[in-house]
Protein backbone atom coordinates (compact mmCIF):
# COMPACT_ATOMS: atom_id res chain seq x y z
CA MET A 1 -0.08 -0.05 -0.15
CA SER A 2 1.47 3.22 -0.93
CA LEU A 3 2.42 6.33 1.19
CA TYR A 4 -0.89 8.23 0.06
CA LYS A 5 -3.20 5.75 0.56
CA SER A 6 -2.11 5.07 4.19
CA PHE A 7 -2.38 8.54 4.63
CA CYS A 8 -5.96 8.92 3.09
CA LEU A 9 -7.16 5.97 5.74
CA VAL A 10 -6.04 7.20 8.47
CA ILE A 11 -7.39 10.45 7.29
CA LEU A 12 -10.55 8.59 6.61
CA PHE A 13 -10.48 6.90 10.11
CA ALA A 14 -10.00 10.33 12.03
CA ILE A 15 -13.12 11.78 10.44
CA ILE A 16 -15.19 8.68 11.11
CA ILE A 17 -14.39 8.51 14.57
CA TYR A 18 -14.73 12.31 15.49
CA PHE A 19 -17.34 13.12 13.30
CA PRO A 20 -20.02 11.59 15.52
CA TYR A 21 -18.16 13.58 18.96
CA SER A 22 -18.48 16.73 17.05
CA ILE A 23 -22.17 16.47 16.35
CA ALA A 24 -22.69 15.31 20.11
CA ALA A 25 -20.49 18.15 21.13
CA GLN A 26 -22.21 20.73 19.06
CA GLU A 27 -25.45 19.49 19.81
CA ALA A 28 -24.73 19.67 23.85
CA ILE A 29 -23.59 23.32 23.94
CA SER A 30 -26.65 24.47 21.73
CA LYS A 31 -29.74 26.58 22.93
CA ALA A 32 -32.43 24.27 21.50
CA PHE A 33 -30.50 21.15 22.87
CA LEU A 34 -29.97 22.36 26.65
CA SER A 35 -33.28 24.30 26.25
CA SER A 36 -35.50 21.40 25.30
CA ILE A 37 -33.72 19.07 28.39
CA LEU A 38 -34.38 22.06 31.27
CA THR A 39 -38.06 22.04 29.60
CA LYS A 40 -38.30 17.97 30.37
CA GLU A 41 -37.27 18.04 33.67
CA ILE A 42 -38.79 21.08 34.66
CA GLU A 43 -42.42 19.70 33.59
CA ASN A 44 -41.57 16.47 35.37
CA TYR A 45 -41.03 18.52 38.53
CA GLN A 46 -43.90 20.92 38.17
CA ASN A 47 -46.48 17.38 37.90
CA LYS A 48 -45.06 15.99 40.81
CA LEU A 49 -45.00 19.22 42.60
CA ILE A 50 -48.74 18.86 43.85
CA MET A 51 -49.24 19.77 47.73
CA VAL A 52 -46.47 22.06 49.50
CA HIS A 53 -45.82 23.66 52.51
CA TYR A 54 -43.36 26.18 51.88
CA ARG A 55 -41.24 28.71 54.12
CA GLN A 56 -38.36 30.90 53.08
CA GLU A 57 -36.30 32.97 55.83
CA TRP A 58 -33.97 35.95 54.10
CA LYS A 59 -31.60 38.56 55.51
CA ARG A 60 -30.06 41.11 54.48
CA THR A 61 -26.41 42.67 55.10
CA THR A 62 -24.94 45.60 53.70
CA THR A 63 -21.71 47.89 53.47
CA HIS A 64 -24.32 50.76 53.40
CA GLU A 65 -27.43 49.83 55.91
CA GLU A 66 -28.60 53.52 55.74
CA ARG A 67 -30.14 53.18 51.82
CA HIS A 68 -32.26 50.20 52.90
CA GLN A 69 -35.42 50.22 55.15
CA VAL A 70 -36.32 46.51 54.42
CA LYS A 71 -33.78 44.40 56.74
CA GLY A 72 -35.09 41.00 55.98
CA GLY A 73 -38.12 39.13 56.42
CA SER A 74 -40.03 35.83 55.71
CA TYR A 75 -42.56 33.97 53.49
CA GLU A 76 -44.37 31.37 54.49
CA THR A 77 -46.92 29.69 51.85
CA VAL A 78 -49.57 26.64 51.61
CA PHE A 79 -50.53 25.01 47.90
CA GLN A 80 -52.72 22.43 46.52
CA PRO A 81 -54.62 22.47 43.52
CA GLY A 82 -57.41 25.07 43.74
CA MET A 83 -55.90 26.63 47.17
CA PHE A 84 -53.63 28.56 48.20
CA ARG A 85 -52.32 30.65 51.25
CA LYS A 86 -49.52 32.85 51.65
CA ILE A 87 -47.99 34.99 54.14
CA ILE A 88 -45.07 37.70 53.87
CA LYS A 89 -43.57 39.65 56.73
CA THR A 90 -40.93 41.95 55.78
CA ASP A 91 -38.83 43.93 58.72
CA TYR A 92 -38.24 47.22 58.94
CA LYS A 93 -35.50 49.05 60.48
CA ASP A 94 -38.49 49.88 63.65
CA HIS A 95 -40.92 47.88 62.56
CA SER A 96 -42.60 44.84 61.26
CA VAL A 97 -45.81 44.12 58.81
CA LYS A 98 -47.17 41.20 57.94
CA THR A 99 -50.04 40.75 54.68
CA ALA A 100 -51.46 37.50 53.94
CA SER A 101 -53.45 36.65 50.90
CA GLY A 102 -55.31 33.22 49.86
CA VAL A 103 -57.85 31.38 47.83
CA ASN A 104 -60.17 28.58 48.40
CA SER A 105 -63.41 27.32 46.45
CA GLN A 106 -65.34 30.08 47.72
CA TYR A 107 -63.41 33.46 47.64
CA SER A 108 -59.98 35.24 47.39
CA PHE A 109 -58.74 37.78 49.86
CA GLN A 110 -55.93 39.95 51.22
CA ILE A 111 -55.55 41.00 54.72
CA ILE A 112 -52.54 43.06 56.61
CA ASP A 113 -51.56 43.41 59.98
CA ARG A 114 -49.40 46.46 61.22
CA ASN A 115 -48.69 44.87 64.76
CA ASN A 116 -52.72 45.69 65.82
CA GLY A 117 -54.43 42.78 64.33
CA TRP A 118 -55.31 41.40 61.04
CA ASP A 119 -57.58 43.89 58.92
CA VAL A 120 -59.49 42.77 55.50
CA GLU A 121 -57.98 45.01 52.42
CA LYS A 122 -59.56 43.02 49.96
CA PHE A 123 -62.36 40.21 49.32
CA ASP A 124 -63.72 38.84 46.18
CA PHE A 125 -66.17 35.90 45.58
CA LEU A 126 -64.66 33.16 43.10
CA LYS A 127 -68.11 33.45 41.32
CA ASN A 128 -70.47 36.80 40.59
CA GLU A 129 -74.11 36.68 41.55
CA ASN A 130 -74.58 35.05 37.67
CA GLY A 131 -72.87 32.02 38.65
CA ALA A 132 -69.61 33.20 36.01
CA LYS A 133 -66.00 32.26 37.36
CA ASN A 134 -63.82 35.33 38.21
CA ASN A 135 -60.94 34.46 35.97
CA LEU A 136 -58.87 37.54 36.89
CA ILE A 137 -58.46 35.70 40.65
CA ARG A 138 -57.82 32.46 39.08
CA LYS A 139 -55.16 34.20 36.61
CA ASN A 140 -53.93 35.58 40.26
CA TYR A 141 -53.39 32.29 41.53
CA LYS A 142 -51.37 31.09 38.91
CA ARG A 143 -49.28 33.71 39.43
CA MET A 144 -48.83 33.21 43.08
CA GLU A 145 -48.56 29.52 42.71
CA THR A 146 -45.90 29.40 39.36
CA PRO A 147 -42.68 30.82 41.47
CA ILE A 148 -42.74 28.23 44.09
CA LYS A 149 -43.17 25.39 41.62
CA PHE A 150 -39.85 26.59 39.68
CA LEU A 151 -37.75 27.91 42.52
CA PRO A 152 -35.08 25.27 41.14
CA TYR A 153 -35.23 26.37 38.15
CA CYS A 154 -35.66 30.28 38.63
CA LEU A 155 -33.12 33.30 37.47
CA SER A 156 -33.83 37.04 37.11
CA PHE A 157 -31.45 39.52 35.52
CA CYS A 158 -33.07 42.97 35.02
CA ASN A 159 -36.52 42.70 33.78
CA THR A 160 -36.18 39.43 32.64
CA GLY A 161 -37.28 36.42 35.40
CA GLY A 162 -38.51 33.35 35.17
CA THR A 163 -37.34 29.81 34.36
CA ILE A 164 -33.79 29.17 33.13
CA ASP A 165 -35.47 27.90 29.78
CA GLU A 166 -37.05 30.22 28.38
CA ILE A 167 -33.98 32.55 29.40
CA ILE A 168 -32.16 30.66 26.95
CA GLN A 169 -34.47 30.53 24.31
CA ASP A 170 -34.62 34.50 24.16
CA LYS A 171 -32.84 35.66 21.11
CA ASN A 172 -30.52 37.64 22.65
CA PHE A 173 -28.80 34.81 25.04
CA GLU A 174 -26.08 33.88 23.44
CA ILE A 175 -23.78 30.20 25.14
CA LEU A 176 -20.92 31.02 24.22
CA LYS A 177 -19.07 27.68 26.04
CA SER A 178 -20.14 24.64 27.52
CA GLU A 179 -18.01 22.16 29.73
CA SER A 180 -18.07 19.54 32.09
CA PHE A 181 -16.34 18.98 35.47
CA ILE A 182 -16.42 17.01 38.96
CA GLU A 183 -16.17 18.23 42.33
CA ASN A 184 -16.38 15.98 45.35
CA GLY A 185 -17.39 13.34 43.05
CA LYS A 186 -20.06 14.96 41.40
CA ASP A 187 -20.50 15.94 37.57
CA TYR A 188 -21.67 19.10 36.41
CA ARG A 189 -22.32 20.74 33.64
CA LYS A 190 -21.05 24.49 33.35
CA ILE A 191 -21.98 27.23 30.09
CA SER A 192 -20.76 30.49 29.98
CA TYR A 193 -23.17 33.08 28.29
CA LYS A 194 -24.00 36.28 26.73
CA TYR A 195 -27.13 38.00 27.32
CA LEU A 196 -28.29 41.81 26.05
CA GLU A 197 -31.46 43.44 27.81
CA LYS A 198 -32.91 46.81 28.83
CA ASP A 199 -33.52 47.45 32.13
CA SER A 200 -37.01 49.36 33.21
CA TYR A 201 -35.73 53.12 32.25
CA GLY A 202 -34.41 51.67 28.86
CA VAL A 203 -30.75 51.66 30.15
CA ILE A 204 -28.63 48.67 28.05
CA ASN A 205 -27.20 46.06 30.51
CA ASN A 206 -24.56 43.27 28.87
CA PHE A 207 -24.60 40.16 31.09
CA THR A 208 -21.95 38.10 31.00
CA GLY A 209 -20.96 34.66 32.96
CA SER A 210 -21.95 30.93 33.72
CA ILE A 211 -24.21 28.67 34.81
CA THR A 212 -23.43 25.65 36.35
CA PHE A 213 -25.92 22.50 36.58
CA ASP A 214 -26.53 19.36 38.37
CA PRO A 215 -27.65 16.91 35.73
CA ASP A 216 -27.77 14.18 38.23
CA LEU A 217 -30.25 15.99 39.96
CA ALA A 218 -32.80 17.03 37.84
CA TRP A 219 -30.13 19.43 35.98
CA VAL A 220 -30.91 22.23 38.73
CA ILE A 221 -29.19 25.40 39.17
CA LYS A 222 -26.55 24.85 41.66
CA TYR A 223 -24.25 28.13 40.70
CA VAL A 224 -24.74 31.00 38.91
CA GLU A 225 -22.26 34.11 38.13
CA ILE A 226 -23.60 37.57 36.97
CA ASP A 227 -21.07 40.25 35.67
CA SER A 228 -23.20 43.48 34.70
CA LEU A 229 -21.96 46.25 32.46
CA ASP A 230 -24.26 48.87 31.37
CA GLU A 231 -23.93 52.09 28.81
CA PHE A 232 -23.30 54.31 31.28
CA GLY A 233 -19.82 52.11 32.49
CA ARG A 234 -22.08 51.00 35.81
CA LYS A 235 -20.40 47.50 37.01
CA PHE A 236 -22.64 45.03 38.73
CA ASN A 237 -21.41 41.13 40.17
CA LYS A 238 -23.42 38.78 41.72
CA THR A 239 -22.72 35.33 42.49
CA ILE A 240 -25.26 32.33 43.81
CA MET A 241 -24.88 29.23 45.73
CA SER A 242 -28.09 27.00 45.88
CA GLU A 243 -27.76 24.03 48.30
CA TYR A 244 -30.63 21.10 47.84
CA GLU A 245 -31.83 18.30 49.33
CA ILE A 246 -33.80 15.55 48.09
CA GLN A 247 -37.44 14.64 49.07
CA LYS A 248 -39.99 12.15 47.45
CA ASP A 249 -37.17 11.53 44.17
CA LEU A 250 -37.63 15.50 44.06
CA PRO A 251 -35.03 17.81 44.46
CA VAL A 252 -36.17 20.86 46.97
CA LEU A 253 -34.23 24.36 48.08
CA LYS A 254 -31.95 23.99 51.45
CA SER A 255 -30.43 27.59 50.81
CA ARG A 256 -30.03 29.91 48.14
CA ASN A 257 -27.17 32.67 49.22
CA GLU A 258 -26.19 35.83 46.94
CA HIS A 259 -23.66 38.23 46.94
CA ILE A 260 -23.64 41.06 45.09
CA VAL A 261 -20.71 43.98 44.43
CA LYS A 262 -22.01 46.93 43.03
CA ILE A 263 -19.37 49.66 41.34
CA TYR A 264 -20.62 52.49 39.83
CA PHE A 265 -19.20 55.38 37.89
CA ASN A 266 -14.89 55.14 37.64
CA ASN A 267 -14.42 51.89 38.96
CA LYS A 268 -15.67 53.12 42.65
CA LEU A 269 -16.84 50.57 44.60
CA GLU A 270 -20.41 51.47 45.94
CA GLU A 271 -21.87 48.88 47.79
CA ILE A 272 -21.01 44.74 48.66
CA MET A 273 -24.36 43.38 49.94
CA ASP A 274 -25.24 39.73 51.06
CA LEU A 275 -28.97 38.56 50.85
CA ASN A 276 -29.09 34.80 52.66
CA HIS A 277 -32.26 32.38 52.38
CA ASN A 278 -32.72 29.80 54.22
CA PHE A 279 -35.78 27.34 53.14
CA SER A 280 -37.93 24.65 54.87
CA ILE A 281 -40.02 23.25 52.10
CA LYS A 282 -42.68 19.93 52.99
CA LEU A 283 -44.14 17.90 50.25
CA LEU A 284 -47.49 17.15 51.66
CA ASP A 285 -48.56 13.72 51.32
CA LYS A 286 -52.58 14.52 51.70
CA PRO A 287 -54.57 17.72 51.42
CA LEU A 288 -55.42 20.00 53.82
CA PRO A 289 -58.57 20.97 55.13
CA GLU A 290 -60.11 23.84 53.43
CA SER A 291 -60.35 25.94 56.69
CA GLU A 292 -56.56 26.44 56.21
CA PHE A 293 -57.62 28.82 53.15
CA THR A 294 -60.15 30.52 54.50
CA LEU A 295 -60.23 33.81 56.43
CA SER A 296 -61.47 31.73 59.99
CA HIS A 297 -57.69 30.31 59.73
CA PHE A 298 -57.03 34.25 60.69
CA GLY A 299 -59.67 34.72 62.93
CA LEU A 300 -61.62 36.86 60.70
CA PRO A 301 -65.45 36.44 59.37
CA VAL A 302 -66.23 36.42 55.77
CA PRO A 303 -67.80 39.64 54.46
CA THR A 304 -71.27 39.11 52.95
CA GLU A 305 -70.28 41.25 49.85
CA PRO A 306 -66.71 41.70 48.08
CA ILE A 307 -64.40 44.29 49.72
CA PRO A 308 -62.67 46.32 46.59
CA LYS A 309 -58.72 47.26 46.75
CA PRO A 310 -58.62 50.52 48.74
CA ILE A 311 -57.10 53.32 46.77
CA LEU A 312 -54.87 55.59 48.21
CA PRO A 313 -56.02 59.12 48.96
CA THR A 314 -55.32 61.45 46.02
CA LYS A 315 -54.99 65.89 47.03
CA ILE A 316 -55.23 67.95 44.26
CA LEU A 317 -52.72 70.61 45.12
CA ASP A 318 -53.53 74.06 44.35
CA LYS A 319 -49.71 74.90 44.11
CA PRO A 320 -46.39 73.51 43.45
CA LEU A 321 -44.62 71.94 46.19
CA PRO A 322 -41.13 72.99 47.10
CA GLU A 323 -38.13 71.20 45.32
CA SER A 324 -36.90 70.07 48.60
CA GLU A 325 -39.93 67.89 48.78
CA PHE A 326 -38.44 65.63 46.23
CA GLU A 327 -34.79 65.45 47.44
CA LEU A 328 -33.42 62.68 49.29
CA SER A 329 -32.98 64.61 52.47
CA HIS A 330 -36.64 65.01 52.90
CA SER A 331 -36.61 61.25 53.54
CA GLY A 332 -33.99 61.64 55.86
CA LEU A 333 -31.09 60.75 53.61
CA PRO A 334 -27.97 61.89 52.78
CA GLU A 335 -28.02 63.99 49.16
CA SER A 336 -25.61 62.33 47.61
CA MET A 337 -25.33 59.07 49.57
CA GLY A 338 -21.92 58.54 47.64
CA ILE A 339 -22.88 57.64 44.35
CA ASN A 340 -21.85 60.43 41.96
CA LEU A 341 -24.97 61.42 40.15
CA SER A 342 -23.34 63.02 37.13
CA LYS A 343 -23.01 61.75 33.92
CA PRO A 344 -19.47 59.55 33.92
CA SER A 345 -16.18 61.86 33.09
CA THR A 346 -14.60 60.74 29.79
CA PRO A 347 -11.34 59.13 30.06
CA LEU A 348 -8.22 61.28 29.63
CA TYR A 349 -6.96 58.87 26.74
CA VAL A 350 -9.99 59.09 24.89
CA THR A 351 -9.94 62.93 25.09
CA ILE A 352 -6.13 63.29 23.64
CA PHE A 353 -7.84 60.79 20.35
CA ARG A 354 -10.57 63.21 19.66
CA ILE A 355 -8.39 65.77 19.48
CA GLY A 356 -6.01 64.11 17.51
CA VAL A 357 -8.32 62.88 14.94
CA GLY A 358 -9.83 66.11 14.67
CA LEU A 359 -6.82 68.37 14.28
CA ALA A 360 -5.58 65.46 11.63
CA ILE A 361 -9.13 66.01 9.98
CA LEU A 362 -8.08 69.73 9.97
CA SER A 363 -4.52 69.54 8.73
CA PHE A 364 -6.05 67.03 5.74
CA CYS A 365 -8.37 70.12 4.87
CA LEU A 366 -5.87 73.00 5.03
CA PHE A 367 -3.89 70.12 2.81
CA ILE A 368 -6.56 70.01 0.23
CA ALA A 369 -7.40 73.69 0.13
CA LYS A 370 -3.88 74.93 0.09
CA ARG A 371 -3.92 72.44 -3.11
CA LEU A 372 -6.49 73.67 -4.72
CA LEU A 373 -5.44 77.42 -4.16
CA ASN A 374 -2.17 76.60 -5.46
CA GLU A 375 -3.80 75.00 -9.31
CA ASN A 376 -5.96 78.11 -9.08
CA LYS A 377 -3.30 80.35 -9.04
CA LYS A 378 -1.22 78.15 -11.82
CA ASN A 379 -4.15 78.23 -13.90
CA ARG A 380 -4.60 81.89 -13.86
CA SER A 381 -0.60 82.28 -15.05
CA ILE A 382 -1.13 80.20 -18.00
């Protein structure tokens, strides 16, 4: 066999061996492939998560305590098919406020406790006097229920928040690299990404970072790193670490810790913040009685007619208020709070470059003008 034929056979053999691996590698890092895996796992998770008692406690620590009135709080939720009860406790610097909402087979309600007992803020029947269903209440029920059902797969940037499979499918989300690694004897899959998004103020944010999944644990999100740079040069870094436990073959959250670093104009460190979330999630074996989802559970009677959501009192002013009413000092906060509110200054090298370009253009224009003038003189002399 000639050397040429031997070389061709080696190349052909290498292609045959490498081609399937290459296709599989491309599939492993594609958005469609990863999204399909996650969608399947999320559907399976949702179908098994039928009845849950969920509790979350969280606490904020930061280098700028004076900026944040809210220091922590807790969420407690119980849901089962068609019924929902949620209690939110918010801890401020000098007081706490509790709110609760719920849905049962007959009505929905919203109540509040400002440390002097529960008061009904909103109440409505699931069916009107003609027997028609109140679809808005059912929609709100789904809105309250969904985030809890998808906790191991939830992620949010500035505006976008939801399940990770939906975020990956976004046209502005790009997977840059995919890799596998082993840590403490477990296999993990990590993707590096790039994501462009506008926040609620229309400012463009450029997100980069990585997301680490646990394939052996239904592809839950294990670790997230988010680096953000907006068009004004403000930087933001967030790392999220999640811990899970197994209940009835389902991964449920035990804790989620977030470390946040904010850097504003001129690379000035602005704030370091930690948010620590501890979860207590119990999958229920049997439905709870409906009384657990009613006003009687809170010691309140059932109203005889709907109570609309309260409207904040409005007063039409006779004359404009002074500008001081709209400053931070009106709320007892320092005026600048350490933040440079002006537009970031242009770096010196950019200014020098712009001056250089301007001088070059000016020199070129003068050269052309001089040449045209000389040609005009020659034409006149002729």
